[in-house]
Amino acid sequence: MSTITRRIVPAIAIAGTMMLVATGCVAGENATASDTESTPGTTEWSSDTLSIDFATYNPLSLVIKDQGILEDILGDDVAVEWVQSAGSNKANELLRSGSVDVGSTAGSAALLARANGSPIQVIDIYSQPEWSAIVVGPDSDISSVEDLKGASIAATKGTDPYFFLLQALEEGGLSLSDVEVQNLQHADGRAALDGGSVDAWAGLDPIMAAAEVESGDKLIYRNVDFNTYGFLNATEDFITNHPDLAQAVVDAYEQAREWALENPEDTAALLAEVAGIDPDVAATVIQERSNLDVSGVPGDDQIAVLEKIAPVLVESGDVQGGQDSVDKALSSIVNDTFAKKAVDGE
């Protein structure tokens, strides 16, 4: 466990926990009076286990895990199992299989999953990032999206970089039929680019930022509007049957957000440690490409972004049921109950 942050937060986390227990926030909006009015130290939770992911593309998850914020809130009665997600597609697989109750994805990936039948909803927003771009090697002659015609491009299907690629191609007057997409996990995509087996890569931070510094790779196309928000998702079963634990998770995220905003250098140092990247690279990711100062309450802003990419999802053929499935997913993907309580005390 990192010594960078662990010694700073316990007092904050414990104080926050005591406040949440006193107000009933920890127990969840749908909890009964007996859930929230128990004798101090004897809170009864709806389950004795909680499975949740952490990911290098989700800095707040690293803070929560490193500082034991969830463990402090839940006490000894709930065992927290942490599972690493290598990408949004992997987080969606974990959620669908029931391997985690709560998982981190890009908004686009969450929409795709729900449109294809995965019973998940977004319960908190962890960031508004610029984490995707089109990347080429240092000696590449490719300098624009238009130059990608006929190129081989690494991308992880079902993730924001993949949907970023689809939008970028459309912007450049190209389509998927004009390129060859190699479906590789994010780290493997960088390795393929560096090894010369692909011409370009739809990258994801912090791996992408490391590629810039370590390999001299170039970002030939950036567009912050093509990046969707960071979604914290939970299964509907978990939301329905364990609202107290869902509230505890969102409360932990809001504590972590406050701390990360007050301590950007330590947050970057933690990212560098977990991701195994240079501290300067991590600082770039945290301070220049990750807007953590965004409301955790999911709602209109996120839906507006998803509505923009909805036609791209339908056109890609990745959605079973087409536009109708996407529309249904858009109308039901948001559950703002827990975030509103954590942020506004409602």
Protein backbone atom coordinates (compact mmCIF):
# COMPACT_ATOMS: atom_id res chain seq x y z
CA MET A 1 0.00 0.00 0.00
CA SER A 2 1.26 3.44 -0.90
CA THR A 3 2.70 5.55 1.91
CA ILE A 4 2.05 8.66 -0.14
CA THR A 5 -1.58 9.02 0.80
CA ARG A 6 -2.49 6.40 3.37
CA ARG A 7 -1.23 8.43 6.32
CA ILE A 8 -3.08 11.58 5.24
CA VAL A 9 -6.64 10.41 4.92
CA PRO A 10 -7.70 8.13 7.79
CA ALA A 11 -8.89 11.07 9.90
CA ILE A 12 -10.81 12.48 6.96
CA ALA A 13 -12.28 9.12 6.03
CA ILE A 14 -13.27 8.27 9.59
CA ALA A 15 -14.78 11.70 10.15
CA GLY A 16 -16.68 11.42 6.87
CA THR A 17 -17.87 7.96 7.82
CA MET A 18 -19.15 9.14 11.20
CA MET A 19 -20.99 11.99 9.53
CA LEU A 20 -22.54 9.66 6.94
CA VAL A 21 -23.65 7.17 9.55
CA ALA A 22 -25.15 9.98 11.63
CA THR A 23 -27.17 11.28 8.69
CA GLY A 24 -28.15 7.86 7.34
CA CYS A 25 -26.33 8.36 4.01
CA VAL A 26 -24.33 5.15 4.31
CA ALA A 27 -27.38 2.98 4.63
CA GLY A 28 -28.91 4.07 1.32
CA GLU A 29 -32.08 5.87 0.31
CA ASN A 30 -34.24 2.76 0.40
CA ALA A 31 -33.03 1.55 3.77
CA THR A 32 -35.44 1.10 6.65
CA ALA A 33 -35.31 2.98 9.92
CA SER A 34 -33.62 0.02 11.59
CA ASP A 35 -30.80 0.26 9.03
CA THR A 36 -30.02 3.86 9.89
CA GLU A 37 -30.84 4.07 13.58
CA SER A 38 -28.67 1.24 14.84
CA THR A 39 -26.39 1.57 17.81
CA PRO A 40 -23.00 3.07 16.83
CA GLY A 41 -20.67 0.36 15.62
CA THR A 42 -23.49 -2.14 14.99
CA THR A 43 -24.70 -1.09 11.53
CA GLU A 44 -26.16 -4.09 9.71
CA TRP A 45 -25.33 -4.20 6.01
CA SER A 46 -27.36 -6.06 3.40
CA SER A 47 -24.40 -8.26 2.47
CA ASP A 48 -21.12 -9.31 4.03
CA THR A 49 -19.21 -8.94 0.75
CA LEU A 50 -18.73 -6.23 -1.88
CA SER A 51 -16.89 -6.74 -5.16
CA ILE A 52 -15.69 -3.60 -6.90
CA ASP A 53 -13.15 -2.79 -9.57
CA PHE A 54 -10.20 -0.45 -9.72
CA ALA A 55 -8.59 0.82 -12.90
CA THR A 56 -5.73 3.07 -13.88
CA TYR A 57 -8.15 5.01 -16.11
CA ASN A 58 -10.24 5.72 -12.99
CA PRO A 59 -8.00 7.70 -10.59
CA LEU A 60 -10.65 7.92 -7.88
CA SER A 61 -10.81 4.13 -7.63
CA LEU A 62 -7.07 4.12 -6.90
CA VAL A 63 -7.50 6.65 -4.10
CA ILE A 64 -10.34 4.69 -2.52
CA LYS A 65 -8.43 1.42 -2.66
CA ASP A 66 -5.12 2.88 -1.47
CA GLN A 67 -6.62 4.73 1.47
CA GLY A 68 -9.10 2.05 2.52
CA ILE A 69 -11.99 4.51 2.37
CA LEU A 70 -14.60 1.84 1.66
CA GLU A 71 -13.20 -0.43 4.33
CA ASP A 72 -13.40 2.43 6.82
CA ILE A 73 -17.04 3.10 5.92
CA LEU A 74 -18.12 -0.53 5.96
CA GLY A 75 -16.10 -1.68 8.94
CA ASP A 76 -15.31 -5.31 9.67
CA ASP A 77 -18.74 -6.63 8.73
CA VAL A 78 -18.25 -6.34 4.95
CA ALA A 79 -15.32 -7.84 3.08
CA VAL A 80 -14.31 -5.66 0.11
CA GLU A 81 -12.92 -7.54 -2.89
CA TRP A 82 -10.96 -5.41 -5.35
CA VAL A 83 -10.68 -6.58 -8.98
CA GLN A 84 -8.62 -4.73 -11.58
CA SER A 85 -10.24 -3.76 -14.89
CA ALA A 86 -7.87 -3.51 -17.84
CA GLY A 87 -10.43 -1.62 -19.93
CA SER A 88 -14.11 -0.76 -20.20
CA ASN A 89 -14.77 -3.97 -22.10
CA LYS A 90 -13.25 -6.01 -19.29
CA ALA A 91 -15.23 -4.09 -16.66
CA ASN A 92 -18.42 -4.80 -18.60
CA GLU A 93 -17.52 -8.49 -18.74
CA LEU A 94 -17.01 -8.50 -14.96
CA LEU A 95 -20.36 -6.80 -14.41
CA ARG A 96 -22.22 -9.10 -16.79
CA SER A 97 -20.75 -12.23 -15.20
CA GLY A 98 -21.45 -11.00 -11.67
CA SER A 99 -17.75 -10.99 -10.81
CA VAL A 100 -18.11 -7.39 -9.59
CA ASP A 101 -21.06 -5.46 -8.24
CA VAL A 102 -19.66 -2.09 -9.34
CA GLY A 103 -17.36 -1.39 -12.29
CA SER A 104 -15.68 1.53 -14.10
CA THR A 105 -16.26 2.18 -17.79
CA ALA A 106 -16.44 4.96 -20.30
CA GLY A 107 -19.96 6.22 -20.93
CA SER A 108 -19.96 4.87 -24.47
CA ALA A 109 -19.07 1.39 -23.28
CA ALA A 110 -21.81 1.48 -20.65
CA LEU A 111 -24.37 2.51 -23.28
CA LEU A 112 -23.26 -0.27 -25.61
CA ALA A 113 -23.48 -2.84 -22.83
CA ARG A 114 -26.96 -1.78 -21.72
CA ALA A 115 -28.19 -1.57 -25.31
CA ASN A 116 -27.03 -5.17 -25.73
CA GLY A 117 -28.93 -6.36 -22.68
CA SER A 118 -26.52 -5.95 -19.78
CA PRO A 119 -28.63 -4.81 -16.77
CA ILE A 120 -26.36 -1.99 -15.58
CA GLN A 121 -26.93 1.63 -14.61
CA VAL A 122 -24.55 4.50 -13.95
CA ILE A 123 -24.63 5.53 -10.29
CA ASP A 124 -21.76 8.05 -10.25
CA ILE A 125 -19.50 10.03 -12.60
CA TYR A 126 -15.83 9.75 -11.72
CA SER A 127 -14.28 12.05 -14.34
CA GLN A 128 -14.66 13.99 -17.56
CA PRO A 129 -11.48 12.89 -19.32
CA GLU A 130 -9.66 13.45 -22.55
CA TRP A 131 -8.27 9.95 -22.46
CA SER A 132 -8.47 8.92 -26.12
CA ALA A 133 -6.64 10.00 -29.28
CA ILE A 134 -5.27 8.55 -32.51
CA VAL A 135 -1.61 7.65 -32.04
CA VAL A 136 1.16 6.83 -34.53
CA GLY A 137 4.84 6.02 -34.17
CA PRO A 138 7.55 8.70 -34.08
CA ASP A 139 8.63 8.07 -37.69
CA SER A 140 5.19 7.61 -39.20
CA ASP A 141 4.17 9.52 -42.32
CA ILE A 142 0.57 9.54 -41.11
CA SER A 143 -0.31 13.05 -39.95
CA SER A 144 -4.10 13.20 -40.23
CA VAL A 145 -7.19 11.03 -40.06
CA GLU A 146 -7.46 11.17 -43.85
CA ASP A 147 -4.04 9.49 -44.06
CA LEU A 148 -5.43 6.44 -42.24
CA LYS A 149 -7.10 5.08 -45.38
CA GLY A 150 -5.82 1.55 -45.88
CA ALA A 151 -4.05 1.57 -42.51
CA SER A 152 -4.03 -1.12 -39.84
CA ILE A 153 -5.25 0.31 -36.52
CA ALA A 154 -5.21 -1.26 -33.08
CA ALA A 155 -8.28 -0.57 -30.94
CA THR A 156 -10.12 -2.26 -28.08
CA LYS A 157 -13.69 -2.84 -29.21
CA GLY A 158 -16.35 -1.80 -26.73
CA THR A 159 -14.25 1.00 -25.22
CA ASP A 160 -14.04 4.77 -25.63
CA PRO A 161 -10.90 4.65 -27.85
CA TYR A 162 -12.77 2.40 -30.27
CA PHE A 163 -15.74 4.74 -30.42
CA PHE A 164 -13.33 7.66 -30.63
CA LEU A 165 -11.83 5.97 -33.70
CA LEU A 166 -15.25 5.54 -35.31
CA GLN A 167 -16.06 9.20 -34.81
CA ALA A 168 -12.62 10.31 -36.01
CA LEU A 169 -12.95 8.25 -39.19
CA GLU A 170 -16.36 9.77 -39.87
CA GLU A 171 -14.89 13.24 -39.31
CA GLY A 172 -12.17 12.44 -41.84
CA GLY A 173 -14.60 11.14 -44.44
CA LEU A 174 -13.67 7.51 -43.85
CA SER A 175 -15.44 4.43 -42.51
CA LEU A 176 -14.46 1.11 -40.95
CA SER A 177 -14.34 -0.41 -44.43
CA ASP A 178 -11.48 1.95 -45.28
CA VAL A 179 -9.21 0.61 -42.50
CA GLU A 180 -8.26 -2.67 -40.86
CA VAL A 181 -9.02 -2.72 -37.13
CA GLN A 182 -7.07 -5.12 -34.94
CA ASN A 183 -9.03 -5.79 -31.75
CA LEU A 184 -6.33 -5.62 -29.08
CA GLN A 185 -6.44 -4.73 -25.40
CA HIS A 186 -5.06 -1.24 -24.72
CA ALA A 187 -1.56 -2.23 -23.59
CA ASP A 188 -1.28 -4.71 -26.46
CA GLY A 189 -2.29 -1.98 -28.89
CA ARG A 190 0.61 0.16 -27.76
CA ALA A 191 2.98 -2.82 -28.05
CA ALA A 192 1.70 -3.54 -31.57
CA LEU A 193 2.31 0.07 -32.58
CA ASP A 194 5.79 0.13 -31.10
CA GLY A 195 6.54 -3.22 -32.72
CA GLY A 196 5.41 -2.03 -36.14
CA SER A 197 2.61 -4.57 -36.60
CA VAL A 198 -0.02 -1.79 -36.87
CA ASP A 199 0.15 1.66 -38.43
CA ALA A 200 -1.85 3.46 -35.73
CA TRP A 201 -3.48 2.94 -32.38
CA ALA A 202 -6.63 4.30 -30.77
CA GLY A 203 -4.94 4.98 -27.45
CA LEU A 204 -6.04 5.29 -23.86
CA ASP A 205 -4.38 7.12 -20.97
CA PRO A 206 -2.27 6.55 -18.95
CA ILE A 207 -0.77 4.08 -21.44
CA MET A 208 -1.03 6.65 -24.23
CA ALA A 209 0.76 9.36 -22.24
CA ALA A 210 3.53 6.90 -21.42
CA ALA A 211 3.87 6.04 -25.12
CA GLU A 212 4.40 9.73 -25.92
CA VAL A 213 7.23 10.08 -23.43
CA GLU A 214 8.87 6.66 -23.64
CA SER A 215 8.47 5.86 -27.34
CA GLY A 216 8.09 9.31 -28.87
CA ASP A 217 4.69 8.34 -30.27
CA LYS A 218 2.60 11.16 -31.73
CA LEU A 219 -1.05 12.06 -31.20
CA ILE A 220 -2.21 12.97 -34.68
CA TYR A 221 -5.86 13.53 -33.81
CA ARG A 222 -7.41 14.78 -30.57
CA ASN A 223 -10.98 15.88 -29.92
CA VAL A 224 -12.16 16.21 -26.34
CA ASP A 225 -15.80 16.17 -27.47
CA PHE A 226 -15.39 12.61 -28.75
CA ASN A 227 -14.48 11.37 -25.26
CA THR A 228 -17.39 10.28 -23.07
CA TYR A 229 -17.47 10.65 -19.29
CA GLY A 230 -16.15 8.12 -16.80
CA PHE A 231 -19.14 6.07 -15.60
CA LEU A 232 -19.29 4.12 -12.35
CA ASN A 233 -21.81 1.36 -13.06
CA ALA A 234 -23.66 -1.15 -10.90
CA THR A 235 -25.88 -4.06 -11.75
CA GLU A 236 -29.61 -3.56 -11.27
CA ASP A 237 -29.66 -6.53 -8.91
CA PHE A 238 -27.06 -4.84 -6.71
CA ILE A 239 -28.89 -1.51 -6.80
CA THR A 240 -32.22 -3.11 -5.90
CA ASN A 241 -31.07 -5.54 -3.23
CA HIS A 242 -28.11 -3.67 -1.75
CA PRO A 243 -28.89 0.07 -1.86
CA ASP A 244 -26.99 0.58 1.40
CA LEU A 245 -23.78 -0.74 -0.16
CA ALA A 246 -24.37 1.22 -3.36
CA GLN A 247 -24.65 4.37 -1.26
CA ALA A 248 -21.47 3.50 0.61
CA VAL A 249 -19.60 3.14 -2.69
CA VAL A 250 -20.81 6.49 -4.02
CA ASP A 251 -20.07 8.17 -0.69
CA ALA A 252 -16.53 6.79 -0.90
CA TYR A 253 -16.16 8.18 -4.42
CA GLU A 254 -17.20 11.64 -3.31
CA GLN A 255 -14.69 11.53 -0.43
CA ALA A 256 -11.98 10.45 -2.87
CA ARG A 257 -12.92 13.19 -5.34
CA GLU A 258 -12.58 15.88 -2.68
CA TRP A 259 -9.21 14.55 -1.62
CA ALA A 260 -7.90 14.15 -5.19
CA LEU A 261 -8.85 17.72 -6.07
CA GLU A 262 -7.01 18.99 -3.00
CA ASN A 263 -3.99 16.75 -3.64
CA PRO A 264 -3.36 16.49 -7.40
CA GLU A 265 0.36 15.79 -7.01
CA ASP A 266 -0.22 12.91 -4.61
CA THR A 267 -2.98 11.59 -6.86
CA ALA A 268 -0.56 11.61 -9.79
CA ALA A 269 2.10 9.88 -7.67
CA LEU A 270 -0.39 7.15 -6.79
CA LEU A 271 -1.29 6.67 -10.46
CA ALA A 272 2.39 6.44 -11.36
CA GLU A 273 2.90 3.78 -8.69
CA VAL A 274 -0.09 1.62 -9.65
CA ALA A 275 0.32 1.98 -13.43
CA GLY A 276 4.11 1.68 -13.35
CA ILE A 277 4.62 4.88 -15.31
CA ASP A 278 6.87 7.92 -14.98
CA PRO A 279 5.60 10.45 -12.41
CA ASP A 280 5.71 13.23 -15.02
CA VAL A 281 3.51 11.14 -17.31
CA ALA A 282 1.06 10.54 -14.50
CA ALA A 283 1.02 14.26 -13.71
CA THR A 284 0.06 14.98 -17.32
CA VAL A 285 -2.81 12.50 -17.12
CA ILE A 286 -4.17 13.85 -13.84
CA GLN A 287 -3.62 17.56 -14.30
CA GLU A 288 -4.13 18.00 -18.06
CA ARG A 289 -6.36 15.16 -19.28
CA SER A 290 -8.58 14.23 -16.34
CA ASN A 291 -11.22 16.65 -15.14
CA LEU A 292 -12.09 15.26 -11.72
CA ASP A 293 -13.83 18.51 -10.77
CA VAL A 294 -17.12 17.40 -12.27
CA SER A 295 -20.41 16.61 -10.58
CA GLY A 296 -20.73 12.99 -9.60
CA VAL A 297 -24.46 13.11 -10.33
CA PRO A 298 -25.18 11.47 -13.71
CA GLY A 299 -27.76 13.22 -15.84
CA ASP A 300 -28.37 15.50 -18.80
CA ASP A 301 -24.71 16.30 -19.58
CA GLN A 302 -23.83 12.65 -19.94
CA ILE A 303 -26.95 11.78 -21.90
CA ALA A 304 -26.22 14.65 -24.30
CA VAL A 305 -22.78 13.18 -25.07
CA LEU A 306 -24.19 9.68 -25.47
CA GLU A 307 -26.88 10.95 -27.84
CA LYS A 308 -24.11 12.27 -30.08
CA ILE A 309 -22.41 8.89 -30.34
CA ALA A 310 -25.63 6.85 -30.52
CA PRO A 311 -25.79 7.00 -34.36
CA VAL A 312 -22.14 5.90 -34.48
CA LEU A 313 -22.93 2.87 -32.31
CA VAL A 314 -25.89 1.93 -34.51
CA GLU A 315 -23.90 2.42 -37.70
CA SER A 316 -21.06 0.25 -36.38
CA GLY A 317 -23.37 -2.77 -36.21
CA ASP A 318 -22.23 -3.52 -32.65
CA VAL A 319 -25.70 -3.02 -31.15
CA GLN A 320 -28.17 -5.88 -31.23
CA GLY A 321 -31.56 -4.38 -32.00
CA GLY A 322 -30.20 -1.21 -33.56
CA GLN A 323 -31.62 2.23 -32.83
CA ASP A 324 -34.52 0.97 -30.76
CA SER A 325 -32.18 -0.78 -28.32
CA VAL A 326 -29.99 2.31 -28.05
CA ASP A 327 -33.00 4.56 -27.40
CA LYS A 328 -34.24 2.27 -24.63
CA ALA A 329 -30.79 2.17 -23.09
CA LEU A 330 -30.49 5.98 -23.18
CA SER A 331 -33.80 6.37 -21.39
CA SER A 332 -32.93 3.97 -18.58
CA ILE A 333 -29.17 3.99 -18.04
CA VAL A 334 -29.05 6.75 -15.40
CA ASN A 335 -29.70 6.16 -11.70
CA ASP A 336 -28.89 9.39 -9.89
CA THR A 337 -30.35 8.41 -6.50
CA PHE A 338 -27.11 7.67 -4.70
CA ALA A 339 -25.00 10.45 -6.17
CA LYS A 340 -27.65 13.07 -5.34
CA LYS A 341 -27.68 11.92 -1.74
CA ALA A 342 -23.86 11.91 -1.54
CA VAL A 343 -23.43 15.29 -3.23
CA ASP A 344 -26.48 17.22 -2.06
CA GLY A 345 -27.51 15.33 1.05
CA GLU A 346 -30.95 14.69 -0.44
